PDB file of N, CA and C in Angstrom:
ATOM      1  N   MET A   1       6.995  58.586 -39.336  1.00  0.00           N
ATOM      2  CA  MET A   1       6.174  57.915 -38.954  1.00  0.00           C
ATOM      3  C   MET A   1       4.574  57.429 -38.917  1.00  0.00           C
ATOM      4  N   ASN A   2       3.688  57.147 -39.805  1.00  0.00           N
ATOM      5  CA  ASN A   2       2.514  57.004 -39.670  1.00  0.00           C
ATOM      6  C   ASN A   2       2.173  56.688 -38.139  1.00  0.00           C
ATOM      7  N   ARG A   3       0.211  56.601 -37.978  1.00  0.00           N
ATOM      8  CA  ARG A   3       0.473  56.556 -36.245  1.00  0.00           C
ATOM      9  C   ARG A   3       0.120  54.696 -36.418  1.00  0.00           C
ATOM     10  N   HIS A   4      -0.169  53.615 -37.339  1.00  0.00           N
ATOM     11  CA  HIS A   4      -0.440  51.998 -37.715  1.00  0.00           C
ATOM     12  C   HIS A   4       1.227  51.600 -37.977  1.00  0.00           C
ATOM     13  N   GLU A   5       2.334  52.144 -38.165  1.00  0.00           N
ATOM     14  CA  GLU A   5       4.049  51.724 -38.312  1.00  0.00           C
ATOM     15  C   GLU A   5       4.216  52.013 -36.866  1.00  0.00           C
ATOM     16  N   ALA A   6       3.639  53.459 -35.808  1.00  0.00           N
ATOM     17  CA  ALA A   6       3.929  53.331 -34.837  1.00  0.00           C
ATOM     18  C   ALA A   6       3.503  52.514 -33.814  1.00  0.00           C
ATOM     19  N   VAL A   7       2.768  51.988 -33.814  1.00  0.00           N
ATOM     20  CA  VAL A   7       1.957  50.973 -32.845  1.00  0.00           C
ATOM     21  C   VAL A   7       2.767  49.950 -33.204  1.00  0.00           C
ATOM     22  N   GLU A   8       2.962  49.153 -34.214  1.00  0.00           N
ATOM     23  CA  GLU A   8       3.848  48.221 -34.745  1.00  0.00           C
ATOM     24  C   GLU A   8       5.395  48.467 -34.377  1.00  0.00           C
ATOM     25  N   GLN A   9       6.165  49.278 -34.079  1.00  0.00           N
ATOM     26  CA  GLN A   9       6.885  49.123 -33.942  1.00  0.00           C
ATOM     27  C   GLN A   9       6.899  49.411 -32.185  1.00  0.00           C
ATOM     28  N   TYR A  10       6.463  49.716 -31.870  1.00  0.00           N
ATOM     29  CA  TYR A  10       6.078  49.894 -30.010  1.00  0.00           C
ATOM     30  C   TYR A  10       6.078  48.177 -29.702  1.00  0.00           C
ATOM     31  N   ALA A  11       4.881  47.596 -31.082  1.00  0.00           N
ATOM     32  CA  ALA A  11       4.735  46.460 -30.214  1.00  0.00           C
ATOM     33  C   ALA A  11       6.090  45.644 -30.395  1.00  0.00           C
ATOM     34  N   HIS A  12       6.787  45.499 -31.458  1.00  0.00           N
ATOM     35  CA  HIS A  12       8.118  45.182 -31.840  1.00  0.00           C
ATOM     36  C   HIS A  12       8.949  45.663 -30.907  1.00  0.00           C
ATOM     37  N   ALA A  13       8.745  46.544 -29.880  1.00  0.00           N
ATOM     38  CA  ALA A  13       9.641  46.871 -28.299  1.00  0.00           C
ATOM     39  C   ALA A  13       9.826  45.587 -27.866  1.00  0.00           C
ATOM     40  N   TRP A  14       8.455  44.489 -27.412  1.00  0.00           N
ATOM     41  CA  TRP A  14       8.070  44.365 -26.607  1.00  0.00           C
ATOM     42  C   TRP A  14       8.548  42.654 -27.144  1.00  0.00           C
ATOM     43  N   ALA A  15       9.108  42.490 -27.807  1.00  0.00           N
ATOM     44  CA  ALA A  15       9.567  41.264 -28.631  1.00  0.00           C
ATOM     45  C   ALA A  15      10.971  41.103 -28.471  1.00  0.00           C
ATOM     46  N   ARG A  16      11.291  42.030 -27.652  1.00  0.00           N
ATOM     47  CA  ARG A  16      13.099  42.112 -28.139  1.00  0.00           C
ATOM     48  C   ARG A  16      13.293  42.179 -26.640  1.00  0.00           C
ATOM     49  N   ARG A  17      15.129  41.973 -26.460  1.00  0.00           N
ATOM     50  CA  ARG A  17      15.186  40.847 -25.045  1.00  0.00           C
ATOM     51  C   ARG A  17      16.805  41.893 -24.899  1.00  0.00           C
ATOM     52  N   ASP A  18      17.382  43.223 -25.142  1.00  0.00           N
ATOM     53  CA  ASP A  18      17.902  43.804 -25.344  1.00  0.00           C
ATOM     54  C   ASP A  18      17.710  45.400 -25.580  1.00  0.00           C
ATOM     55  N   ALA A  19      18.619  45.895 -24.030  1.00  0.00           N
ATOM     56  CA  ALA A  19      18.102  47.360 -24.380  1.00  0.00           C
ATOM     57  C   ALA A  19      19.040  48.122 -25.594  1.00  0.00           C
ATOM     58  N   ALA A  20      19.329  47.543 -26.137  1.00  0.00           N
ATOM     59  CA  ALA A  20      19.848  48.510 -27.142  1.00  0.00           C
ATOM     60  C   ALA A  20      18.683  48.390 -28.286  1.00  0.00           C
ATOM     61  N   GLY A  21      17.784  46.703 -28.572  1.00  0.00           N
ATOM     62  CA  GLY A  21      16.975  46.512 -29.137  1.00  0.00           C
ATOM     63  C   GLY A  21      16.005  47.173 -29.066  1.00  0.00           C
ATOM     64  N   ILE A  22      15.277  46.904 -28.050  1.00  0.00           N
ATOM     65  CA  ILE A  22      14.416  48.150 -27.318  1.00  0.00           C
ATOM     66  C   ILE A  22      15.052  49.524 -27.996  1.00  0.00           C
ATOM     67  N   ARG A  23      15.164  50.445 -27.772  1.00  0.00           N
ATOM     68  CA  ARG A  23      15.897  51.152 -28.087  1.00  0.00           C
ATOM     69  C   ARG A  23      16.372  52.051 -29.219  1.00  0.00           C
ATOM     70  N   ALA A  24      15.990  50.711 -29.849  1.00  0.00           N
ATOM     71  CA  ALA A  24      15.990  51.081 -31.508  1.00  0.00           C
ATOM     72  C   ALA A  24      14.758  50.859 -32.023  1.00  0.00           C
ATOM     73  N   SER A  25      13.755  50.300 -31.760  1.00  0.00           N
ATOM     74  CA  SER A  25      12.471  49.652 -31.829  1.00  0.00           C
ATOM     75  C   SER A  25      11.633  51.284 -31.736  1.00  0.00           C
ATOM     76  N   LEU A  26      12.294  51.777 -29.878  1.00  0.00           N
ATOM     77  CA  LEU A  26      11.022  52.581 -29.562  1.00  0.00           C
ATOM     78  C   LEU A  26      11.468  54.280 -29.937  1.00  0.00           C
ATOM     79  N   GLY A  27      12.724  53.929 -30.410  1.00  0.00           N
ATOM     80  CA  GLY A  27      13.209  55.399 -30.927  1.00  0.00           C
ATOM     81  C   GLY A  27      12.723  56.315 -31.783  1.00  0.00           C
ATOM     82  N   SER A  28      11.173  55.651 -33.428  1.00  0.00           N
ATOM     83  CA  SER A  28      11.736  56.280 -33.890  1.00  0.00           C
ATOM     84  C   SER A  28       9.386  56.604 -33.853  1.00  0.00           C
ATOM     85  N   CYS A  29       9.128  55.476 -32.733  1.00  0.00           N
ATOM     86  CA  CYS A  29       7.971  55.999 -32.399  1.00  0.00           C
ATOM     87  C   CYS A  29       7.549  55.944 -30.905  1.00  0.00           C
ATOM     88  N   TRP A  30       8.039  56.642 -29.933  1.00  0.00           N
ATOM     89  CA  TRP A  30       8.351  57.311 -28.518  1.00  0.00           C
ATOM     90  C   TRP A  30       8.482  58.517 -28.580  1.00  0.00           C
ATOM     91  N   ALA A  31       7.496  59.419 -28.241  1.00  0.00           N
ATOM     92  CA  ALA A  31       7.631  60.567 -27.859  1.00  0.00           C
ATOM     93  C   ALA A  31       9.128  61.003 -26.922  1.00  0.00           C
ATOM     94  N   ASP A  32       9.622  61.633 -26.794  1.00  0.00           N
ATOM     95  CA  ASP A  32      10.914  61.895 -26.037  1.00  0.00           C
ATOM     96  C   ASP A  32      10.017  61.494 -24.201  1.00  0.00           C
ATOM     97  N   ASN A  33       9.061  62.339 -24.100  1.00  0.00           N
ATOM     98  CA  ASN A  33       8.185  62.671 -23.034  1.00  0.00           C
ATOM     99  C   ASN A  33       6.461  61.454 -22.819  1.00  0.00           C
ATOM    100  N   GLY A  34       7.227  60.774 -24.438  1.00  0.00           N
ATOM    101  CA  GLY A  34       6.003  59.069 -23.962  1.00  0.00           C
ATOM    102  C   GLY A  34       5.428  59.070 -22.456  1.00  0.00           C
ATOM    103  N   THR A  35       5.034  58.395 -21.775  1.00  0.00           N
ATOM    104  CA  THR A  35       4.401  57.861 -20.907  1.00  0.00           C
ATOM    105  C   THR A  35       3.659  56.231 -21.258  1.00  0.00           C
ATOM    106  N   TYR A  36       4.079  55.905 -20.218  1.00  0.00           N
ATOM    107  CA  TYR A  36       3.245  54.631 -20.084  1.00  0.00           C
ATOM    108  C   TYR A  36       2.757  54.336 -18.500  1.00  0.00           C
ATOM    109  N   THR A  37       1.309  54.157 -18.944  1.00  0.00           N
ATOM    110  CA  THR A  37       0.921  53.130 -17.123  1.00  0.00           C
ATOM    111  C   THR A  37      -0.186  51.463 -17.255  1.00  0.00           C
ATOM    112  N   ASP A  38       0.227  50.988 -16.585  1.00  0.00           N
ATOM    113  CA  ASP A  38      -0.444  49.622 -16.932  1.00  0.00           C
ATOM    114  C   ASP A  38      -1.391  49.060 -15.312  1.00  0.00           C
ATOM    115  N   PRO A  39      -1.951  48.541 -14.954  1.00  0.00           N
ATOM    116  CA  PRO A  39      -2.374  47.850 -13.348  1.00  0.00           C
ATOM    117  C   PRO A  39      -1.067  48.114 -12.687  1.00  0.00           C
ATOM    118  N   ILE A  40      -0.367  47.542 -13.425  1.00  0.00           N
ATOM    119  CA  ILE A  40       1.096  46.183 -12.693  1.00  0.00           C
ATOM    120  C   ILE A  40       2.392  47.589 -12.369  1.00  0.00           C
ATOM    121  N   THR A  41       2.097  48.423 -12.988  1.00  0.00           N
ATOM    122  CA  THR A  41       3.513  49.420 -13.085  1.00  0.00           C
ATOM    123  C   THR A  41       3.483  50.339 -13.119  1.00  0.00           C
ATOM    124  N   ASP A  42       4.630  51.239 -11.900  1.00  0.00           N
ATOM    125  CA  ASP A  42       4.531  52.271 -11.623  1.00  0.00           C
ATOM    126  C   ASP A  42       4.917  52.850 -13.097  1.00  0.00           C
ATOM    127  N   PRO A  43       4.163  53.996 -13.264  1.00  0.00           N
ATOM    128  CA  PRO A  43       3.913  54.602 -14.916  1.00  0.00           C
ATOM    129  C   PRO A  43       5.241  55.032 -15.342  1.00  0.00           C
ATOM    130  N   VAL A  44       5.355  55.420 -16.260  1.00  0.00           N
ATOM    131  CA  VAL A  44       7.326  55.285 -16.833  1.00  0.00           C
ATOM    132  C   VAL A  44       7.082  56.311 -17.651  1.00  0.00           C
ATOM    133  N   THR A  45       7.855  57.116 -17.713  1.00  0.00           N
ATOM    134  CA  THR A  45       8.524  58.626 -18.915  1.00  0.00           C
ATOM    135  C   THR A  45       9.487  58.331 -19.507  1.00  0.00           C
ATOM    136  N   GLY A  46       9.277  58.154 -21.401  1.00  0.00           N
ATOM    137  CA  GLY A  46      10.484  58.580 -21.656  1.00  0.00           C
ATOM    138  C   GLY A  46      10.802  57.582 -22.509  1.00  0.00           C
ATOM    139  N   VAL A  47      11.384  57.015 -22.927  1.00  0.00           N
ATOM    140  CA  VAL A  47      12.375  55.630 -24.280  1.00  0.00           C
ATOM    141  C   VAL A  47      13.213  54.954 -22.935  1.00  0.00           C
ATOM    142  N   ASP A  48      13.851  55.643 -22.247  1.00  0.00           N
ATOM    143  CA  ASP A  48      14.706  55.606 -21.108  1.00  0.00           C
ATOM    144  C   ASP A  48      13.450  54.507 -20.322  1.00  0.00           C
ATOM    145  N   GLY A  49      12.171  54.981 -20.304  1.00  0.00           N
ATOM    146  CA  GLY A  49      11.791  54.421 -18.799  1.00  0.00           C
ATOM    147  C   GLY A  49      11.410  53.111 -19.261  1.00  0.00           C
ATOM    148  N   MET A  50      10.996  53.304 -20.628  1.00  0.00           N
ATOM    149  CA  MET A  50      10.343  52.048 -21.050  1.00  0.00           C
ATOM    150  C   MET A  50      11.041  51.281 -21.792  1.00  0.00           C
ATOM    151  N   VAL A  51      12.263  51.149 -21.494  1.00  0.00           N
ATOM    152  CA  VAL A  51      13.440  50.053 -21.817  1.00  0.00           C
ATOM    153  C   VAL A  51      13.663  48.738 -20.792  1.00  0.00           C
ATOM    154  N   ASP A  52      13.432  49.937 -19.247  1.00  0.00           N
ATOM    155  CA  ASP A  52      14.030  49.452 -18.122  1.00  0.00           C
ATOM    156  C   ASP A  52      11.966  48.803 -18.128  1.00  0.00           C
ATOM    157  N   LEU A  53      11.119  49.198 -18.483  1.00  0.00           N
ATOM    158  CA  LEU A  53      10.104  48.179 -18.367  1.00  0.00           C
ATOM    159  C   LEU A  53      10.069  47.230 -18.791  1.00  0.00           C
ATOM    160  N   ILE A  54      10.413  47.490 -19.921  1.00  0.00           N
ATOM    161  CA  ILE A  54      10.018  46.219 -21.041  1.00  0.00           C
ATOM    162  C   ILE A  54      10.746  45.051 -20.907  1.00  0.00           C
ATOM    163  N   LEU A  55      12.326  45.239 -19.983  1.00  0.00           N
ATOM    164  CA  LEU A  55      13.682  44.197 -20.051  1.00  0.00           C
ATOM    165  C   LEU A  55      13.659  43.648 -17.668  1.00  0.00           C
ATOM    166  N   ASP A  56      12.195  44.838 -17.309  1.00  0.00           N
ATOM    167  CA  ASP A  56      12.445  44.285 -16.236  1.00  0.00           C
ATOM    168  C   ASP A  56      10.931  43.244 -17.056  1.00  0.00           C
ATOM    169  N   PHE A  57      10.003  43.335 -17.397  1.00  0.00           N
ATOM    170  CA  PHE A  57       8.955  42.315 -18.094  1.00  0.00           C
ATOM    171  C   PHE A  57       9.159  41.372 -18.569  1.00  0.00           C
ATOM    172  N   ALA A  58      10.588  41.181 -19.122  1.00  0.00           N
ATOM    173  CA  ALA A  58      11.370  40.269 -19.964  1.00  0.00           C
ATOM    174  C   ALA A  58      11.489  38.808 -18.401  1.00  0.00           C
ATOM    175  N   GLN A  59      11.993  39.218 -17.289  1.00  0.00           N
ATOM    176  CA  GLN A  59      12.714  38.997 -16.268  1.00  0.00           C
ATOM    177  C   GLN A  59      12.208  38.592 -15.588  1.00  0.00           C
ATOM    178  N   ARG A  60      10.711  39.366 -15.011  1.00  0.00           N
ATOM    179  CA  ARG A  60       9.036  39.506 -14.227  1.00  0.00           C
ATOM    180  C   ARG A  60       8.004  37.970 -15.024  1.00  0.00           C
ATOM    181  N   PHE A  61       7.935  37.852 -16.374  1.00  0.00           N
ATOM    182  CA  PHE A  61       7.417  37.040 -16.924  1.00  0.00           C
ATOM    183  C   PHE A  61       8.595  36.059 -18.274  1.00  0.00           C
ATOM    184  N   PRO A  62       9.457  35.068 -17.548  1.00  0.00           N
ATOM    185  CA  PRO A  62      10.271  34.590 -18.658  1.00  0.00           C
ATOM    186  C   PRO A  62       9.378  33.807 -19.776  1.00  0.00           C
ATOM    187  N   GLY A  63       9.549  34.036 -21.072  1.00  0.00           N
ATOM    188  CA  GLY A  63       9.629  33.748 -21.954  1.00  0.00           C
ATOM    189  C   GLY A  63       8.073  33.769 -22.734  1.00  0.00           C
ATOM    190  N   ALA A  64       7.571  34.856 -22.029  1.00  0.00           N
ATOM    191  CA  ALA A  64       6.746  35.514 -21.984  1.00  0.00           C
ATOM    192  C   ALA A  64       6.030  36.534 -23.590  1.00  0.00           C
ATOM    193  N   ALA A  65       4.960  37.014 -24.823  1.00  0.00           N
ATOM    194  CA  ALA A  65       4.936  37.121 -25.750  1.00  0.00           C
ATOM    195  C   ALA A  65       3.894  37.909 -25.553  1.00  0.00           C
ATOM    196  N   LEU A  66       4.159  39.301 -26.190  1.00  0.00           N
ATOM    197  CA  LEU A  66       2.630  39.856 -26.326  1.00  0.00           C
ATOM    198  C   LEU A  66       3.161  39.879 -27.393  1.00  0.00           C
ATOM    199  N   GLN A  67       1.363  40.286 -27.674  1.00  0.00           N
ATOM    200  CA  GLN A  67       1.440  39.808 -29.310  1.00  0.00           C
ATOM    201  C   GLN A  67      -0.335  40.929 -29.545  1.00  0.00           C
ATOM    202  N   PRO A  68       0.052  42.299 -30.366  1.00  0.00           N
ATOM    203  CA  PRO A  68      -1.923  42.432 -30.457  1.00  0.00           C
ATOM    204  C   PRO A  68      -2.361  41.871 -31.122  1.00  0.00           C
ATOM    205  N   THR A  69      -4.077  42.340 -30.972  1.00  0.00           N
ATOM    206  CA  THR A  69      -4.715  41.079 -31.784  1.00  0.00           C
ATOM    207  C   THR A  69      -6.000  41.625 -31.910  1.00  0.00           C
ATOM    208  N   SER A  70      -6.009  42.643 -32.578  1.00  0.00           N
ATOM    209  CA  SER A  70      -6.800  43.421 -33.346  1.00  0.00           C
ATOM    210  C   SER A  70      -5.638  45.036 -33.831  1.00  0.00           C
ATOM    211  N   GLY A  71      -6.423  45.220 -34.792  1.00  0.00           N
ATOM    212  CA  GLY A  71      -5.401  46.963 -35.942  1.00  0.00           C
ATOM    213  C   GLY A  71      -6.390  47.823 -35.304  1.00  0.00           C
ATOM    214  N   LEU A  72      -5.521  48.639 -35.616  1.00  0.00           N
ATOM    215  CA  LEU A  72      -5.804  49.875 -34.564  1.00  0.00           C
ATOM    216  C   LEU A  72      -6.984  51.032 -35.002  1.00  0.00           C
ATOM    217  N   ASP A  73      -7.611  51.014 -33.619  1.00  0.00           N
ATOM    218  CA  ASP A  73      -8.694  51.764 -34.447  1.00  0.00           C
ATOM    219  C   ASP A  73      -8.447  53.367 -33.987  1.00  0.00           C
ATOM    220  N   LEU A  74      -8.430  54.138 -34.871  1.00  0.00           N
ATOM    221  CA  LEU A  74      -8.114  55.859 -35.066  1.00  0.00           C
ATOM    222  C   LEU A  74      -9.276  56.217 -34.555  1.00  0.00           C
ATOM    223  N   HIS A  75      -9.071  58.122 -33.717  1.00  0.00           N
ATOM    224  CA  HIS A  75      -9.686  59.011 -34.670  1.00  0.00           C
ATOM    225  C   HIS A  75      -9.290  60.303 -33.859  1.00  0.00           C
ATOM    226  N   GLN A  76      -9.339  61.187 -34.213  1.00  0.00           N
ATOM    227  CA  GLN A  76      -8.686  62.740 -34.102  1.00  0.00           C
ATOM    228  C   GLN A  76      -6.858  62.284 -33.195  1.00  0.00           C
ATOM    229  N   HIS A  77      -6.621  62.616 -31.987  1.00  0.00           N
ATOM    230  CA  HIS A  77      -5.208  61.473 -32.067  1.00  0.00           C
ATOM    231  C   HIS A  77      -4.808  60.432 -30.852  1.00  0.00           C
ATOM    232  N   VAL A  78      -6.102  59.473 -30.485  1.00  0.00           N
ATOM    233  CA  VAL A  78      -5.795  58.660 -29.782  1.00  0.00           C
ATOM    234  C   VAL A  78      -6.704  57.827 -31.203  1.00  0.00           C
ATOM    235  N   GLY A  79      -6.604  56.011 -30.117  1.00  0.00           N
ATOM    236  CA  GLY A  79      -6.644  54.827 -30.756  1.00  0.00           C
ATOM    237  C   GLY A  79      -6.686  53.848 -29.179  1.00  0.00           C
ATOM    238  N   ARG A  80      -6.403  52.823 -30.531  1.00  0.00           N
ATOM    239  CA  ARG A  80      -6.847  51.324 -29.508  1.00  0.00           C
ATOM    240  C   ARG A  80      -6.592  50.262 -30.180  1.00  0.00           C
ATOM    241  N   PHE A  81      -6.077  49.279 -29.028  1.00  0.00           N
ATOM    242  CA  PHE A  81      -6.062  48.062 -29.605  1.00  0.00           C
ATOM    243  C   PHE A  81      -5.869  46.778 -28.696  1.00  0.00           C
ATOM    244  N   THR A  82      -6.014  45.908 -29.113  1.00  0.00           N
ATOM    245  CA  THR A  82      -6.002  45.299 -28.183  1.00  0.00           C
ATOM    246  C   THR A  82      -4.763  43.471 -28.407  1.00  0.00           C
ATOM    247  N   TRP A  83      -4.374  42.924 -26.987  1.00  0.00           N
ATOM    248  CA  TRP A  83      -3.422  42.404 -27.276  1.00  0.00           C
ATOM    249  C   TRP A  83      -4.193  40.887 -26.993  1.00  0.00           C
ATOM    250  N   LEU A  84      -2.637  39.933 -26.636  1.00  0.00           N
ATOM    251  CA  LEU A  84      -2.762  38.785 -26.299  1.00  0.00           C
ATOM    252  C   LEU A  84      -1.335  38.987 -25.469  1.00  0.00           C
ATOM    253  N   MET A  85      -0.903  38.301 -24.154  1.00  0.00           N
ATOM    254  CA  MET A  85      -0.135  37.871 -23.629  1.00  0.00           C
ATOM    255  C   MET A  85       0.031  36.550 -22.734  1.00  0.00           C
ATOM    256  N   THR A  86       0.806  35.826 -23.758  1.00  0.00           N
ATOM    257  CA  THR A  86       0.619  34.424 -23.008  1.00  0.00           C
ATOM    258  C   THR A  86       2.588  33.298 -22.520  1.00  0.00           C
ATOM    259  N   ALA A  87       2.478  33.181 -21.750  1.00  0.00           N
ATOM    260  CA  ALA A  87       3.707  32.434 -21.596  1.00  0.00           C
ATOM    261  C   ALA A  87       2.808  31.208 -20.966  1.00  0.00           C
ATOM    262  N   PRO A  88       4.610  30.179 -20.869  1.00  0.00           N
ATOM    263  CA  PRO A  88       4.989  29.071 -20.251  1.00  0.00           C
ATOM    264  C   PRO A  88       4.396  28.654 -18.946  1.00  0.00           C
ATOM    265  N   SER A  89       4.092  29.271 -18.060  1.00  0.00           N
ATOM    266  CA  SER A  89       4.144  29.781 -16.642  1.00  0.00           C
ATOM    267  C   SER A  89       2.772  30.392 -16.453  1.00  0.00           C
ATOM    268  N   PRO A  90       2.153  30.348 -15.559  1.00  0.00           N
ATOM    269  CA  PRO A  90       1.150  31.198 -15.062  1.00  0.00           C
ATOM    270  C   PRO A  90       1.318  32.786 -14.627  1.00  0.00           C
ATOM    271  N   ILE A  91       0.796  33.841 -15.157  1.00  0.00           N
ATOM    272  CA  ILE A  91       1.425  34.666 -15.047  1.00  0.00           C
ATOM    273  C   ILE A  91       0.478  35.683 -14.236  1.00  0.00           C
ATOM    274  N   VAL A  92       1.002  35.903 -13.172  1.00  0.00           N
ATOM    275  CA  VAL A  92       0.531  36.193 -11.774  1.00  0.00           C
ATOM    276  C   VAL A  92       0.741  38.200 -11.949  1.00  0.00           C
ATOM    277  N   ALA A  93      -0.181  38.395 -11.617  1.00  0.00           N
ATOM    278  CA  ALA A  93       0.212  39.807 -11.063  1.00  0.00           C
ATOM    279  C   ALA A  93      -0.596  40.695 -10.114  1.00  0.00           C
ATOM    280  N   ASP A  94      -0.602  41.717  -9.154  1.00  0.00           N
ATOM    281  CA  ASP A  94      -1.102  41.687  -8.557  1.00  0.00           C
ATOM    282  C   ASP A  94      -1.731  40.689  -7.678  1.00  0.00           C
ATOM    283  N   VAL A  95      -1.069  39.680  -7.652  1.00  0.00           N
ATOM    284  CA  VAL A  95      -1.305  38.903  -6.375  1.00  0.00           C
ATOM    285  C   VAL A  95      -3.125  37.592  -7.444  1.00  0.00           C
ATOM    286  N   VAL A  96      -2.604  38.068  -8.149  1.00  0.00           N
ATOM    287  CA  VAL A  96      -4.646  37.551  -9.315  1.00  0.00           C
ATOM    288  C   VAL A  96      -3.663  36.637 -10.344  1.00  0.00           C
ATOM    289  N   ASN A  97      -3.938  35.465 -10.481  1.00  0.00           N
ATOM    290  CA  ASN A  97      -3.215  33.738 -11.490  1.00  0.00           C
ATOM    291  C   ASN A  97      -4.020  34.066 -12.643  1.00  0.00           C
ATOM    292  N   TYR A  98      -3.836  34.325 -13.316  1.00  0.00           N
ATOM    293  CA  TYR A  98      -4.712  35.138 -15.378  1.00  0.00           C
ATOM    294  C   TYR A  98      -4.270  33.622 -15.970  1.00  0.00           C
ATOM    295  N   GLY A  99      -3.228  32.627 -15.143  1.00  0.00           N
ATOM    296  CA  GLY A  99      -3.110  31.115 -15.682  1.00  0.00           C
ATOM    297  C   GLY A  99      -2.077  31.530 -17.301  1.00  0.00           C
ATOM    298  N   THR A 100      -2.362  30.882 -18.279  1.00  0.00           N
ATOM    299  CA  THR A 100      -0.836  31.019 -19.194  1.00  0.00           C
ATOM    300  C   THR A 100      -1.006  32.901 -20.428  1.00  0.00           C
ATOM    301  N   THR A 101      -2.275  32.474 -19.887  1.00  0.00           N
ATOM    302  CA  THR A 101      -3.212  34.152 -21.231  1.00  0.00           C
ATOM    303  C   THR A 101      -3.161  35.550 -20.330  1.00  0.00           C
ATOM    304  N   LEU A 102      -4.178  36.370 -20.950  1.00  0.00           N
ATOM    305  CA  LEU A 102      -4.331  37.131 -20.729  1.00  0.00           C
ATOM    306  C   LEU A 102      -4.313  38.317 -21.544  1.00  0.00           C
ATOM    307  N   SER A 103      -5.502  38.369 -21.619  1.00  0.00           N
ATOM    308  CA  SER A 103      -5.276  39.777 -22.533  1.00  0.00           C
ATOM    309  C   SER A 103      -5.467  41.187 -22.617  1.00  0.00           C
ATOM    310  N   GLY A 104      -6.145  42.015 -23.253  1.00  0.00           N
ATOM    311  CA  GLY A 104      -6.043  42.948 -22.706  1.00  0.00           C
ATOM    312  C   GLY A 104      -5.988  44.589 -23.700  1.00  0.00           C
ATOM    313  N   VAL A 105      -6.009  45.470 -23.469  1.00  0.00           N
ATOM    314  CA  VAL A 105      -6.355  46.610 -25.100  1.00  0.00           C
ATOM    315  C   VAL A 105      -5.575  48.179 -24.031  1.00  0.00           C
ATOM    316  N   ASP A 106      -5.201  48.510 -24.701  1.00  0.00           N
ATOM    317  CA  ASP A 106      -3.941  50.079 -25.159  1.00  0.00           C
ATOM    318  C   ASP A 106      -4.234  50.433 -25.316  1.00  0.00           C
ATOM    319  N   PHE A 107      -4.989  52.371 -24.357  1.00  0.00           N
ATOM    320  CA  PHE A 107      -5.556  53.205 -25.486  1.00  0.00           C
ATOM    321  C   PHE A 107      -3.867  54.544 -25.867  1.00  0.00           C
ATOM    322  N   VAL A 108      -4.246  54.599 -26.592  1.00  0.00           N
ATOM    323  CA  VAL A 108      -3.000  55.892 -27.051  1.00  0.00           C
ATOM    324  C   VAL A 108      -3.378  56.407 -27.968  1.00  0.00           C
ATOM    325  N   GLU A 109      -2.531  57.003 -27.576  1.00  0.00           N
ATOM    326  CA  GLU A 109      -2.529  59.379 -27.306  1.00  0.00           C
ATOM    327  C   GLU A 109      -0.952  59.346 -28.520  1.00  0.00           C
ATOM    328  N   PHE A 110      -1.579  60.381 -29.445  1.00  0.00           N
ATOM    329  CA  PHE A 110      -0.483  60.385 -30.446  1.00  0.00           C
ATOM    330  C   PHE A 110       0.422  61.583 -31.031  1.00  0.00           C
ATOM    331  N   ALA A 111       1.488  62.175 -31.146  1.00  0.00           N
ATOM    332  CA  ALA A 111       1.750  63.165 -31.743  1.00  0.00           C
ATOM    333  C   ALA A 111       1.282  63.600 -32.802  1.00  0.00           C
ATOM    334  N   THR A 112       1.300  65.026 -33.236  1.00  0.00           N
ATOM    335  CA  THR A 112       1.207  64.993 -35.083  1.00  0.00           C
ATOM    336  C   THR A 112       2.246  65.002 -35.788  1.00  0.00           C
ATOM    337  N   ASP A 113       3.117  64.195 -35.322  1.00  0.00           N
ATOM    338  CA  ASP A 113       4.181  63.886 -36.114  1.00  0.00           C
ATOM    339  C   ASP A 113       4.431  62.582 -35.663  1.00  0.00           C
ATOM    340  N   GLY A 114       3.296  61.641 -35.072  1.00  0.00           N
ATOM    341  CA  GLY A 114       2.899  59.766 -35.263  1.00  0.00           C
ATOM    342  C   GLY A 114       3.545  58.860 -34.535  1.00  0.00           C
ATOM    343  N   ARG A 115       4.336  59.806 -33.550  1.00  0.00           N
ATOM    344  CA  ARG A 115       4.812  58.959 -32.797  1.00  0.00           C
ATOM    345  C   ARG A 115       3.618  59.006 -31.622  1.00  0.00           C
ATOM    346  N   ILE A 116       3.905  57.908 -30.661  1.00  0.00           N
ATOM    347  CA  ILE A 116       3.209  57.503 -29.336  1.00  0.00           C
ATOM    348  C   ILE A 116       3.776  58.393 -28.127  1.00  0.00           C
ATOM    349  N   THR A 117       2.707  59.573 -27.491  1.00  0.00           N
ATOM    350  CA  THR A 117       2.759  60.276 -26.605  1.00  0.00           C
ATOM    351  C   THR A 117       2.474  59.879 -25.123  1.00  0.00           C
ATOM    352  N   GLY A 118       1.345  58.636 -24.870  1.00  0.00           N
ATOM    353  CA  GLY A 118       1.035  57.997 -24.457  1.00  0.00           C
ATOM    354  C   GLY A 118       0.649  56.639 -24.361  1.00  0.00           C
ATOM    355  N   ILE A 119       0.409  56.010 -23.522  1.00  0.00           N
ATOM    356  CA  ILE A 119       0.035  54.499 -23.420  1.00  0.00           C
ATOM    357  C   ILE A 119      -0.678  54.588 -21.958  1.00  0.00           C
ATOM    358  N   VAL A 120      -2.390  54.018 -22.248  1.00  0.00           N
ATOM    359  CA  VAL A 120      -2.389  53.560 -20.093  1.00  0.00           C
ATOM    360  C   VAL A 120      -3.306  52.403 -20.735  1.00  0.00           C
ATOM    361  N   GLY A 121      -2.582  50.846 -20.580  1.00  0.00           N
ATOM    362  CA  GLY A 121      -3.492  49.755 -20.800  1.00  0.00           C
ATOM    363  C   GLY A 121      -3.845  49.396 -19.678  1.00  0.00           C
ATOM    364  N   PHE A 122      -4.991  48.709 -19.908  1.00  0.00           N
ATOM    365  CA  PHE A 122      -6.173  47.840 -19.453  1.00  0.00           C
ATOM    366  C   PHE A 122      -6.146  46.028 -19.837  1.00  0.00           C
ATOM    367  N   PHE A 123      -6.201  45.424 -18.473  1.00  0.00           N
ATOM    368  CA  PHE A 123      -6.566  44.357 -18.818  1.00  0.00           C
ATOM    369  C   PHE A 123      -8.010  43.211 -18.900  1.00  0.00           C
ATOM    370  N   GLY A 124      -7.135  42.597 -19.268  1.00  0.00           N
ATOM    371  CA  GLY A 124      -9.398  42.283 -19.746  1.00  0.00           C
ATOM    372  C   GLY A 124      -9.824  42.657 -20.887  1.00  0.00           C
TER     373      GLY A 124
END
């Protein structure tokens, strides 16, 4: 899998609302020991950790959606892309009310086979 396809599959996983669908989306793009870190969640590891995180996201922010807003900027084994979260009600995270839209940037590390080995996300 190339790195652009891996990020597309990763983004698709965030749109799913069932464990089997999330797992299917992540299955080919997420490394077994891949890690995810952002400002409001504990770090998670592996596909199972990501499945739980995405299911929790859907419960914490009902009706919210995440959408990449840029292409993947790459060099060496790392990349970055921007995203936008939209929700029908205010997005409140760590007592900060972001309104109904929240932008951010994810920094991505890739394995030599193109799978994601780590994402560190930032808001704003």
